[in-house]
Amino acid sequence: MARHITKFARLVPPDGSVSSDGKLVLYGADTPNTWKPAALLEEMEIPYDVVFVNIMKNEQKQPDYLAMNPNGRTPTLLDRTVCPPFSVFESGAIMLYVAEKHGTPLLPEKPEPKSEVVQWLMWQMSALGPMVGNCMYMKRIAAPVQDDVSKVQFGIDRFHNETVRLLTILETRLNNRDYLCGPDRGVFTIADIACFGYAAQHFWASVDISDMPFLSAWIARVGARPSIKSAATVPGISISEGFPTFEQIRTDETIQSQLLESAAKAGRPYFGWKDMQELWGKPAEDAAVPFASHVPGSEAK
């Protein structure tokens, strides 16, 4: 069966039992990268279907998925409004495809303002997303399973410092601005959508932004938009059964306190996946460490 998860998004089963002919189909997991194209589709009020990709079960590595996305990551967009259907992978490329195909002020037409938006989009894809993602990985997945955290401390420090540097760039850019691009105080564009997801994960990255008032105000401003709120619920399923969604972790202080207290009780300097398993997981199903590229002999996922 299909069910609506937002005003414009319908979650459909992956087996094709519900037809998505004539629609855009977003394949994704509960991550900031999926939120980006979802937020654009919500902002543009384009109806779309969503297929949940269970990255905990490596569904993104299956042949059918790899045929759409050779990189084996989420999200992927399948445009079923054309024949044959056309697939787009990489979240930034999906945003550009949708914006250019349907036309939107979120991506200006004139070369100079368009270039400004694309520059910040490329910056997010090449710098902000990967560095914040690695910071979260080292602190939340790699560190908590180490007997000796010093083994991964260099990586933790490296990505933490780079994350702070990048968030400081946003803080500087947003000084006396409402949005990243455009004249005067700026206008809301796909650059803001792209940068929001990772910048807003400062709790999960354990980066203090209390001394970044312009960034903090921008996160609150962008996060208050209905399209952003809706996108954060896509794909409507948490990354592992029983776990809160990342938007709940981002916004719910009770959940944040539970994570911090769990790690402190266990004597771990960083909360993370182990704490989520202990608080909300099913040990028989969730004992494996996800994306365990830091574990000798494991395959990076």
C-alpha atoms as a PDB file:
ATOM      1  CA  MET A   1       0.000   0.000   0.000  1.00  0.00           C
ATOM      2  CA  ALA A   2       0.981   3.623  -0.459  1.00  0.00           C
ATOM      3  CA  ARG A   3       0.638   6.278   2.214  1.00  0.00           C
ATOM      4  CA  HIS A   4       1.125  10.022   2.195  1.00  0.00           C
ATOM      5  CA  ILE A   5       3.985  11.226   4.377  1.00  0.00           C
ATOM      6  CA  THR A   6       3.673  14.905   3.376  1.00  0.00           C
ATOM      7  CA  LYS A   7       1.187  16.940   1.374  1.00  0.00           C
ATOM      8  CA  PHE A   8       3.160  16.183  -1.800  1.00  0.00           C
ATOM      9  CA  ALA A   9       5.043  12.952  -1.005  1.00  0.00           C
ATOM     10  CA  ARG A  10       3.621   9.455  -1.129  1.00  0.00           C
ATOM     11  CA  LEU A  11       5.590   6.516   0.287  1.00  0.00           C
ATOM     12  CA  VAL A  12       5.273   3.541  -2.048  1.00  0.00           C
ATOM     13  CA  PRO A  13       6.575  -0.025  -1.719  1.00  0.00           C
ATOM     14  CA  PRO A  14       9.789  -0.833  -3.608  1.00  0.00           C
ATOM     15  CA  ASP A  15       8.289  -3.862  -5.355  1.00  0.00           C
ATOM     16  CA  GLY A  16       6.371  -1.815  -7.924  1.00  0.00           C
ATOM     17  CA  SER A  17       2.988  -3.002  -6.661  1.00  0.00           C
ATOM     18  CA  VAL A  18       1.866   0.634  -6.625  1.00  0.00           C
ATOM     19  CA  SER A  19       2.280   2.406  -9.953  1.00  0.00           C
ATOM     20  CA  SER A  20       4.433   5.544 -10.076  1.00  0.00           C
ATOM     21  CA  ASP A  21       3.992   6.079 -13.804  1.00  0.00           C
ATOM     22  CA  GLY A  22       4.034   9.727 -14.774  1.00  0.00           C
ATOM     23  CA  LYS A  23       5.648  10.836 -11.505  1.00  0.00           C
ATOM     24  CA  LEU A  24       9.004  11.675 -10.030  1.00  0.00           C
ATOM     25  CA  VAL A  25      10.210   8.951  -7.679  1.00  0.00           C
ATOM     26  CA  LEU A  26      12.729   9.742  -4.941  1.00  0.00           C
ATOM     27  CA  TYR A  27      14.690   6.808  -3.545  1.00  0.00           C
ATOM     28  CA  GLY A  28      16.128   7.722  -0.181  1.00  0.00           C
ATOM     29  CA  ALA A  29      16.955   7.055   3.459  1.00  0.00           C
ATOM     30  CA  ASP A  30      16.648   9.192   6.579  1.00  0.00           C
ATOM     31  CA  THR A  31      19.655  11.409   5.887  1.00  0.00           C
ATOM     32  CA  PRO A  32      20.306  15.093   5.119  1.00  0.00           C
ATOM     33  CA  ASN A  33      21.151  14.154   1.539  1.00  0.00           C
ATOM     34  CA  THR A  34      17.633  12.829   0.975  1.00  0.00           C
ATOM     35  CA  TRP A  35      16.140  15.902   2.621  1.00  0.00           C
ATOM     36  CA  LYS A  36      17.709  18.207   0.008  1.00  0.00           C
ATOM     37  CA  PRO A  37      15.773  17.117  -3.099  1.00  0.00           C
ATOM     38  CA  ALA A  38      12.712  16.402  -0.947  1.00  0.00           C
ATOM     39  CA  ALA A  39      12.746  19.996   0.328  1.00  0.00           C
ATOM     40  CA  LEU A  40      13.029  21.338  -3.215  1.00  0.00           C
ATOM     41  CA  LEU A  41      10.098  19.223  -4.389  1.00  0.00           C
ATOM     42  CA  GLU A  42       8.077  20.348  -1.366  1.00  0.00           C
ATOM     43  CA  GLU A  43       8.983  24.005  -1.946  1.00  0.00           C
ATOM     44  CA  MET A  44       7.978  23.743  -5.607  1.00  0.00           C
ATOM     45  CA  GLU A  45       4.788  21.828  -4.669  1.00  0.00           C
ATOM     46  CA  ILE A  46       5.554  18.977  -7.042  1.00  0.00           C
ATOM     47  CA  PRO A  47       3.835  15.686  -6.180  1.00  0.00           C
ATOM     48  CA  TYR A  48       6.316  12.814  -5.943  1.00  0.00           C
ATOM     49  CA  ASP A  49       6.613   9.244  -4.766  1.00  0.00           C
ATOM     50  CA  VAL A  50       9.178   8.052  -2.242  1.00  0.00           C
ATOM     51  CA  VAL A  51      10.794   4.624  -2.036  1.00  0.00           C
ATOM     52  CA  PHE A  52      12.568   3.854   1.238  1.00  0.00           C
ATOM     53  CA  VAL A  53      16.060   2.460   0.745  1.00  0.00           C
ATOM     54  CA  ASN A  54      17.174   0.432   3.758  1.00  0.00           C
ATOM     55  CA  ILE A  55      20.864   1.264   3.897  1.00  0.00           C
ATOM     56  CA  MET A  56      21.206  -0.888   7.021  1.00  0.00           C
ATOM     57  CA  LYS A  57      20.482  -3.880   4.780  1.00  0.00           C
ATOM     58  CA  ASN A  58      22.647  -2.589   1.914  1.00  0.00           C
ATOM     59  CA  GLU A  59      19.703  -2.187  -0.444  1.00  0.00           C
ATOM     60  CA  GLN A  60      21.631   0.630  -2.129  1.00  0.00           C
ATOM     61  CA  LYS A  61      24.145  -1.993  -3.313  1.00  0.00           C
ATOM     62  CA  GLN A  62      21.640  -4.209  -5.091  1.00  0.00           C
ATOM     63  CA  PRO A  63      21.903  -4.520  -8.904  1.00  0.00           C
ATOM     64  CA  ASP A  64      18.556  -2.845  -9.614  1.00  0.00           C
ATOM     65  CA  TYR A  65      19.547   0.166  -7.557  1.00  0.00           C
ATOM     66  CA  LEU A  66      23.074   0.329  -8.940  1.00  0.00           C
ATOM     67  CA  ALA A  67      21.585   0.453 -12.425  1.00  0.00           C
ATOM     68  CA  MET A  68      20.086   3.818 -11.438  1.00  0.00           C
ATOM     69  CA  ASN A  69      22.936   4.969  -9.209  1.00  0.00           C
ATOM     70  CA  PRO A  70      26.382   3.491  -9.938  1.00  0.00           C
ATOM     71  CA  ASN A  71      27.726   5.081  -6.743  1.00  0.00           C
ATOM     72  CA  GLY A  72      25.437   2.971  -4.565  1.00  0.00           C
ATOM     73  CA  ARG A  73      24.374   5.804  -2.291  1.00  0.00           C
ATOM     74  CA  THR A  74      21.157   7.667  -1.552  1.00  0.00           C
ATOM     75  CA  PRO A  75      19.273   9.561  -2.838  1.00  0.00           C
ATOM     76  CA  THR A  76      18.383   8.774  -6.433  1.00  0.00           C
ATOM     77  CA  LEU A  77      15.632  10.356  -8.505  1.00  0.00           C
ATOM     78  CA  LEU A  78      13.816   8.372 -11.164  1.00  0.00           C
ATOM     79  CA  ASP A  79      11.902  10.613 -13.542  1.00  0.00           C
ATOM     80  CA  ARG A  80       8.938   8.564 -14.731  1.00  0.00           C
ATOM     81  CA  THR A  81       7.366  11.531 -16.509  1.00  0.00           C
ATOM     82  CA  VAL A  82       9.543  10.689 -19.522  1.00  0.00           C
ATOM     83  CA  CYS A  83       9.920   7.522 -21.563  1.00  0.00           C
ATOM     84  CA  PRO A  84      12.151   5.740 -20.962  1.00  0.00           C
ATOM     85  CA  PRO A  85      12.415   6.797 -17.294  1.00  0.00           C
ATOM     86  CA  PHE A  86      15.501   8.891 -16.574  1.00  0.00           C
ATOM     87  CA  SER A  87      17.568   8.455 -13.400  1.00  0.00           C
ATOM     88  CA  VAL A  88      19.619  11.106 -11.634  1.00  0.00           C
ATOM     89  CA  PHE A  89      22.043  10.398  -8.795  1.00  0.00           C
ATOM     90  CA  GLU A  90      23.842  12.771  -6.391  1.00  0.00           C
ATOM     91  CA  SER A  91      21.603  15.099  -4.381  1.00  0.00           C
ATOM     92  CA  GLY A  92      22.984  18.309  -5.891  1.00  0.00           C
ATOM     93  CA  ALA A  93      22.556  16.986  -9.423  1.00  0.00           C
ATOM     94  CA  ILE A  94      18.966  16.016  -8.570  1.00  0.00           C
ATOM     95  CA  MET A  95      18.258  19.533  -7.326  1.00  0.00           C
ATOM     96  CA  LEU A  96      19.671  21.103 -10.481  1.00  0.00           C
ATOM     97  CA  TYR A  97      17.721  18.689 -12.688  1.00  0.00           C
ATOM     98  CA  VAL A  98      14.397  19.386 -10.977  1.00  0.00           C
ATOM     99  CA  ALA A  99      14.949  23.148 -10.784  1.00  0.00           C
ATOM    100  CA  GLU A 100      15.982  23.459 -14.426  1.00  0.00           C
ATOM    101  CA  LYS A 101      13.316  21.113 -15.753  1.00  0.00           C
ATOM    102  CA  HIS A 102      10.413  22.758 -13.959  1.00  0.00           C
ATOM    103  CA  GLY A 103      11.735  26.300 -13.601  1.00  0.00           C
ATOM    104  CA  THR A 104      11.830  28.060 -10.255  1.00  0.00           C
ATOM    105  CA  PRO A 105      13.099  31.325  -8.750  1.00  0.00           C
ATOM    106  CA  LEU A 106      15.061  29.105  -6.368  1.00  0.00           C
ATOM    107  CA  LEU A 107      17.582  28.783  -9.227  1.00  0.00           C
ATOM    108  CA  PRO A 108      17.899  32.110 -11.095  1.00  0.00           C
ATOM    109  CA  GLU A 109      18.073  32.133 -14.874  1.00  0.00           C
ATOM    110  CA  LYS A 110      20.602  34.937 -15.393  1.00  0.00           C
ATOM    111  CA  PRO A 111      24.212  33.691 -15.464  1.00  0.00           C
ATOM    112  CA  GLU A 112      25.636  35.727 -12.580  1.00  0.00           C
ATOM    113  CA  PRO A 113      22.986  35.109  -9.897  1.00  0.00           C
ATOM    114  CA  LYS A 114      22.671  31.504 -11.089  1.00  0.00           C
ATOM    115  CA  SER A 115      26.420  31.033 -10.749  1.00  0.00           C
ATOM    116  CA  GLU A 116      26.328  32.432  -7.217  1.00  0.00           C
ATOM    117  CA  VAL A 117      23.733  29.836  -6.208  1.00  0.00           C
ATOM    118  CA  VAL A 118      25.571  27.004  -7.955  1.00  0.00           C
ATOM    119  CA  GLN A 119      28.850  27.989  -6.274  1.00  0.00           C
ATOM    120  CA  TRP A 120      27.300  27.534  -2.826  1.00  0.00           C
ATOM    121  CA  LEU A 121      25.643  24.314  -3.949  1.00  0.00           C
ATOM    122  CA  MET A 122      29.007  22.952  -5.121  1.00  0.00           C
ATOM    123  CA  TRP A 123      30.613  24.107  -1.854  1.00  0.00           C
ATOM    124  CA  GLN A 124      28.037  22.173   0.115  1.00  0.00           C
ATOM    125  CA  MET A 125      28.570  19.042  -1.954  1.00  0.00           C
ATOM    126  CA  SER A 126      32.372  19.167  -1.948  1.00  0.00           C
ATOM    127  CA  ALA A 127      33.052  20.590   1.514  1.00  0.00           C
ATOM    128  CA  LEU A 128      30.244  21.045   4.036  1.00  0.00           C
ATOM    129  CA  GLY A 129      28.466  17.736   3.445  1.00  0.00           C
ATOM    130  CA  PRO A 130      31.510  15.448   3.320  1.00  0.00           C
ATOM    131  CA  MET A 131      33.319  17.090   6.228  1.00  0.00           C
ATOM    132  CA  VAL A 132      30.321  17.248   8.570  1.00  0.00           C
ATOM    133  CA  GLY A 133      29.429  13.725   7.500  1.00  0.00           C
ATOM    134  CA  ASN A 134      32.909  12.485   8.367  1.00  0.00           C
ATOM    135  CA  CYS A 135      32.844  14.366  11.663  1.00  0.00           C
ATOM    136  CA  MET A 136      29.594  12.634  12.578  1.00  0.00           C
ATOM    137  CA  TYR A 137      30.920   9.274  11.401  1.00  0.00           C
ATOM    138  CA  MET A 138      34.084   9.461  13.485  1.00  0.00           C
ATOM    139  CA  LYS A 139      32.290  10.582  16.635  1.00  0.00           C
ATOM    140  CA  ARG A 140      29.079   8.578  16.373  1.00  0.00           C
ATOM    141  CA  ILE A 141      30.142   5.313  14.755  1.00  0.00           C
ATOM    142  CA  ALA A 142      33.915   4.869  14.882  1.00  0.00           C
ATOM    143  CA  ALA A 143      34.708   6.269  18.356  1.00  0.00           C
ATOM    144  CA  PRO A 144      32.035   4.537  20.465  1.00  0.00           C
ATOM    145  CA  VAL A 145      33.135   1.051  19.410  1.00  0.00           C
ATOM    146  CA  GLN A 146      36.837   1.620  20.104  1.00  0.00           C
ATOM    147  CA  ASP A 147      38.487   0.170  23.185  1.00  0.00           C
ATOM    148  CA  ASP A 148      40.983   3.017  22.876  1.00  0.00           C
ATOM    149  CA  VAL A 149      39.542   6.199  21.329  1.00  0.00           C
ATOM    150  CA  SER A 150      43.058   7.549  20.784  1.00  0.00           C
ATOM    151  CA  LYS A 151      43.263   5.184  17.802  1.00  0.00           C
ATOM    152  CA  VAL A 152      40.808   7.392  15.928  1.00  0.00           C
ATOM    153  CA  GLN A 153      41.427  10.718  17.684  1.00  0.00           C
ATOM    154  CA  PHE A 154      43.398  12.156  14.783  1.00  0.00           C
ATOM    155  CA  GLY A 155      40.427  11.589  12.470  1.00  0.00           C
ATOM    156  CA  ILE A 156      38.016  13.012  15.029  1.00  0.00           C
ATOM    157  CA  ASP A 157      40.095  16.158  15.467  1.00  0.00           C
ATOM    158  CA  ARG A 158      40.692  16.553  11.745  1.00  0.00           C
ATOM    159  CA  PHE A 159      37.028  16.460  10.794  1.00  0.00           C
ATOM    160  CA  HIS A 160      35.863  18.392  13.846  1.00  0.00           C
ATOM    161  CA  ASN A 161      38.219  21.271  13.079  1.00  0.00           C
ATOM    162  CA  GLU A 162      37.255  21.279   9.427  1.00  0.00           C
ATOM    163  CA  THR A 163      33.568  21.289  10.342  1.00  0.00           C
ATOM    164  CA  VAL A 164      34.104  24.298  12.599  1.00  0.00           C
ATOM    165  CA  ARG A 165      35.977  26.059   9.794  1.00  0.00           C
ATOM    166  CA  LEU A 166      33.174  25.449   7.319  1.00  0.00           C
ATOM    167  CA  LEU A 167      30.413  26.500   9.709  1.00  0.00           C
ATOM    168  CA  THR A 168      32.430  29.645  10.396  1.00  0.00           C
ATOM    169  CA  ILE A 169      32.353  30.372   6.660  1.00  0.00           C
ATOM    170  CA  LEU A 170      28.556  30.227   6.822  1.00  0.00           C
ATOM    171  CA  GLU A 171      28.565  32.459   9.903  1.00  0.00           C
ATOM    172  CA  THR A 172      30.673  35.050   8.076  1.00  0.00           C
ATOM    173  CA  ARG A 173      28.559  34.867   4.936  1.00  0.00           C
ATOM    174  CA  LEU A 174      25.315  35.290   6.879  1.00  0.00           C
ATOM    175  CA  ASN A 175      26.465  38.370   8.759  1.00  0.00           C
ATOM    176  CA  ASN A 176      23.553  40.789   8.201  1.00  0.00           C
ATOM    177  CA  ARG A 177      22.013  38.452   5.631  1.00  0.00           C
ATOM    178  CA  ASP A 178      18.878  36.331   5.773  1.00  0.00           C
ATOM    179  CA  TYR A 179      19.946  33.920   3.044  1.00  0.00           C
ATOM    180  CA  LEU A 180      23.157  32.838   1.334  1.00  0.00           C
ATOM    181  CA  CYS A 181      22.627  34.274  -2.145  1.00  0.00           C
ATOM    182  CA  GLY A 182      21.108  37.298  -3.796  1.00  0.00           C
ATOM    183  CA  PRO A 183      21.425  41.056  -3.301  1.00  0.00           C
ATOM    184  CA  ASP A 184      21.113  42.918  -0.007  1.00  0.00           C
ATOM    185  CA  ARG A 185      19.885  40.488   2.669  1.00  0.00           C
ATOM    186  CA  GLY A 186      19.533  37.715   0.083  1.00  0.00           C
ATOM    187  CA  VAL A 187      16.723  35.514  -1.187  1.00  0.00           C
ATOM    188  CA  PHE A 188      15.888  31.894  -0.437  1.00  0.00           C
ATOM    189  CA  THR A 189      17.403  29.546  -3.042  1.00  0.00           C
ATOM    190  CA  ILE A 190      18.460  25.954  -3.499  1.00  0.00           C
ATOM    191  CA  ALA A 191      21.773  26.954  -1.907  1.00  0.00           C
ATOM    192  CA  ASP A 192      20.002  27.422   1.427  1.00  0.00           C
ATOM    193  CA  ILE A 193      18.166  24.123   1.005  1.00  0.00           C
ATOM    194  CA  ALA A 194      21.403  22.289   0.234  1.00  0.00           C
ATOM    195  CA  CYS A 195      23.399  23.739   3.118  1.00  0.00           C
ATOM    196  CA  PHE A 196      20.695  23.507   5.774  1.00  0.00           C
ATOM    197  CA  GLY A 197      20.629  19.757   6.328  1.00  0.00           C
ATOM    198  CA  TYR A 198      24.245  19.374   7.401  1.00  0.00           C
ATOM    199  CA  ALA A 199      24.621  22.764   9.102  1.00  0.00           C
ATOM    200  CA  ALA A 200      21.570  21.969  11.221  1.00  0.00           C
ATOM    201  CA  GLN A 201      23.178  18.721  12.438  1.00  0.00           C
ATOM    202  CA  HIS A 202      25.558  20.512  14.787  1.00  0.00           C
ATOM    203  CA  PHE A 203      24.274  18.549  17.800  1.00  0.00           C
ATOM    204  CA  TRP A 204      24.854  15.209  16.084  1.00  0.00           C
ATOM    205  CA  ALA A 205      28.307  16.473  15.092  1.00  0.00           C
ATOM    206  CA  SER A 206      28.945  17.806  18.622  1.00  0.00           C
ATOM    207  CA  VAL A 207      29.940  21.220  17.351  1.00  0.00           C
ATOM    208  CA  ASP A 208      29.036  24.204  19.520  1.00  0.00           C
ATOM    209  CA  ILE A 209      27.574  27.054  17.461  1.00  0.00           C
ATOM    210  CA  SER A 210      26.525  29.221  20.406  1.00  0.00           C
ATOM    211  CA  ASP A 211      29.088  31.815  19.303  1.00  0.00           C
ATOM    212  CA  MET A 212      27.689  31.839  15.743  1.00  0.00           C
ATOM    213  CA  PRO A 213      24.545  33.986  16.031  1.00  0.00           C
ATOM    214  CA  PHE A 214      24.049  34.597  12.311  1.00  0.00           C
ATOM    215  CA  LEU A 215      24.305  30.892  11.507  1.00  0.00           C
ATOM    216  CA  SER A 216      21.981  30.017  14.380  1.00  0.00           C
ATOM    217  CA  ALA A 217      19.387  32.545  13.193  1.00  0.00           C
ATOM    218  CA  TRP A 218      19.612  31.223   9.622  1.00  0.00           C
ATOM    219  CA  ILE A 219      19.127  27.608  10.782  1.00  0.00           C
ATOM    220  CA  ALA A 220      16.017  28.684  12.708  1.00  0.00           C
ATOM    221  CA  ARG A 221      14.740  30.765   9.770  1.00  0.00           C
ATOM    222  CA  VAL A 222      15.212  28.077   7.131  1.00  0.00           C
ATOM    223  CA  GLY A 223      14.084  25.307   9.472  1.00  0.00           C
ATOM    224  CA  ALA A 224      10.774  27.097  10.061  1.00  0.00           C
ATOM    225  CA  ARG A 225       9.763  26.839   6.396  1.00  0.00           C
ATOM    226  CA  PRO A 226       6.980  24.296   5.812  1.00  0.00           C
ATOM    227  CA  SER A 227       8.917  22.709   2.956  1.00  0.00           C
ATOM    228  CA  ILE A 228      11.929  22.061   5.175  1.00  0.00           C
ATOM    229  CA  LYS A 229       9.799  20.651   7.976  1.00  0.00           C
ATOM    230  CA  SER A 230       8.056  18.318   5.566  1.00  0.00           C
ATOM    231  CA  ALA A 231      11.267  17.202   3.873  1.00  0.00           C
ATOM    232  CA  ALA A 232      12.782  16.220   7.213  1.00  0.00           C
ATOM    233  CA  THR A 233      10.067  13.565   7.537  1.00  0.00           C
ATOM    234  CA  VAL A 234      11.022  11.924   4.235  1.00  0.00           C
ATOM    235  CA  PRO A 235      11.203   8.954   3.699  1.00  0.00           C
ATOM    236  CA  GLY A 236       8.909   8.507   6.703  1.00  0.00           C
ATOM    237  CA  ILE A 237      10.981   5.656   8.160  1.00  0.00           C
ATOM    238  CA  SER A 238      13.939   5.953  10.551  1.00  0.00           C
ATOM    239  CA  ILE A 239      17.327   4.546   9.637  1.00  0.00           C
ATOM    240  CA  SER A 240      16.743   1.501  11.861  1.00  0.00           C
ATOM    241  CA  GLU A 241      13.537   0.086  13.317  1.00  0.00           C
ATOM    242  CA  GLY A 242      12.641   1.642  16.665  1.00  0.00           C
ATOM    243  CA  PHE A 243      15.170   4.458  16.368  1.00  0.00           C
ATOM    244  CA  PRO A 244      14.075   8.107  16.358  1.00  0.00           C
ATOM    245  CA  THR A 245      14.472   9.922  13.074  1.00  0.00           C
ATOM    246  CA  PHE A 246      17.406  12.266  12.664  1.00  0.00           C
ATOM    247  CA  GLU A 247      15.016  15.210  12.694  1.00  0.00           C
ATOM    248  CA  GLN A 248      13.743  14.048  16.084  1.00  0.00           C
ATOM    249  CA  ILE A 249      17.328  13.773  17.319  1.00  0.00           C
ATOM    250  CA  ARG A 250      18.061  17.228  15.945  1.00  0.00           C
ATOM    251  CA  THR A 251      15.103  18.930  17.595  1.00  0.00           C
ATOM    252  CA  ASP A 252      14.096  16.885  20.663  1.00  0.00           C
ATOM    253  CA  GLU A 253      16.070  17.855  23.768  1.00  0.00           C
ATOM    254  CA  THR A 254      14.784  14.831  25.679  1.00  0.00           C
ATOM    255  CA  ILE A 255      16.255  12.482  23.089  1.00  0.00           C
ATOM    256  CA  GLN A 256      19.490  14.458  23.113  1.00  0.00           C
ATOM    257  CA  SER A 257      19.705  14.146  26.905  1.00  0.00           C
ATOM    258  CA  GLN A 258      19.104  10.403  26.703  1.00  0.00           C
ATOM    259  CA  LEU A 259      21.979   9.996  24.261  1.00  0.00           C
ATOM    260  CA  LEU A 260      24.368  12.103  26.329  1.00  0.00           C
ATOM    261  CA  GLU A 261      23.445  10.329  29.564  1.00  0.00           C
ATOM    262  CA  SER A 262      23.799   6.891  27.980  1.00  0.00           C
ATOM    263  CA  ALA A 263      27.325   7.652  26.776  1.00  0.00           C
ATOM    264  CA  ALA A 264      28.332   9.238  30.081  1.00  0.00           C
ATOM    265  CA  LYS A 265      27.045   6.234  32.045  1.00  0.00           C
ATOM    266  CA  ALA A 266      29.123   3.903  29.854  1.00  0.00           C
ATOM    267  CA  GLY A 267      32.198   6.127  30.146  1.00  0.00           C
ATOM    268  CA  ARG A 268      32.269   6.908  26.444  1.00  0.00           C
ATOM    269  CA  PRO A 269      33.513  10.387  25.452  1.00  0.00           C
ATOM    270  CA  TYR A 270      31.181  10.461  22.443  1.00  0.00           C
ATOM    271  CA  PHE A 271      27.587   9.292  22.217  1.00  0.00           C
ATOM    272  CA  GLY A 272      26.669   7.415  19.094  1.00  0.00           C
ATOM    273  CA  TRP A 273      25.394   4.280  17.466  1.00  0.00           C
ATOM    274  CA  LYS A 274      26.049   2.105  20.519  1.00  0.00           C
ATOM    275  CA  ASP A 275      23.843   4.337  22.619  1.00  0.00           C
ATOM    276  CA  MET A 276      21.076   4.248  20.019  1.00  0.00           C
ATOM    277  CA  GLN A 277      21.251   0.456  20.009  1.00  0.00           C
ATOM    278  CA  GLU A 278      21.070   0.315  23.788  1.00  0.00           C
ATOM    279  CA  LEU A 279      18.244   2.850  24.028  1.00  0.00           C
ATOM    280  CA  TRP A 280      16.032   1.888  21.102  1.00  0.00           C
ATOM    281  CA  GLY A 281      17.499  -1.036  19.178  1.00  0.00           C
ATOM    282  CA  LYS A 282      16.696  -4.683  18.864  1.00  0.00           C
ATOM    283  CA  PRO A 283      19.996  -6.370  19.785  1.00  0.00           C
ATOM    284  CA  ALA A 284      19.505  -9.380  17.531  1.00  0.00           C
ATOM    285  CA  GLU A 285      18.953  -7.166  14.483  1.00  0.00           C
ATOM    286  CA  ASP A 286      20.982  -4.066  15.235  1.00  0.00           C
ATOM    287  CA  ALA A 287      24.159  -5.461  16.770  1.00  0.00           C
ATOM    288  CA  ALA A 288      26.227  -4.803  13.655  1.00  0.00           C
ATOM    289  CA  VAL A 289      28.000  -1.485  13.361  1.00  0.00           C
ATOM    290  CA  PRO A 290      26.769   0.355  10.243  1.00  0.00           C
ATOM    291  CA  PHE A 291      29.130   1.521   7.516  1.00  0.00           C
ATOM    292  CA  ALA A 292      32.019  -0.063   9.461  1.00  0.00           C
ATOM    293  CA  SER A 293      34.864   1.052   7.203  1.00  0.00           C
ATOM    294  CA  HIS A 294      36.934   1.770  10.334  1.00  0.00           C
ATOM    295  CA  VAL A 295      36.846  -1.921  11.318  1.00  0.00           C
ATOM    296  CA  PRO A 296      39.831  -3.881   9.899  1.00  0.00           C
ATOM    297  CA  GLY A 297      38.769  -6.241   7.144  1.00  0.00           C
ATOM    298  CA  SER A 298      35.338  -4.695   6.682  1.00  0.00           C
ATOM    299  CA  GLU A 299      33.887  -3.434   3.424  1.00  0.00           C
ATOM    300  CA  ALA A 300      33.162   0.288   3.293  1.00  0.00           C
ATOM    301  CA  LYS A 301      29.495   0.881   2.617  1.00  0.00           C
END
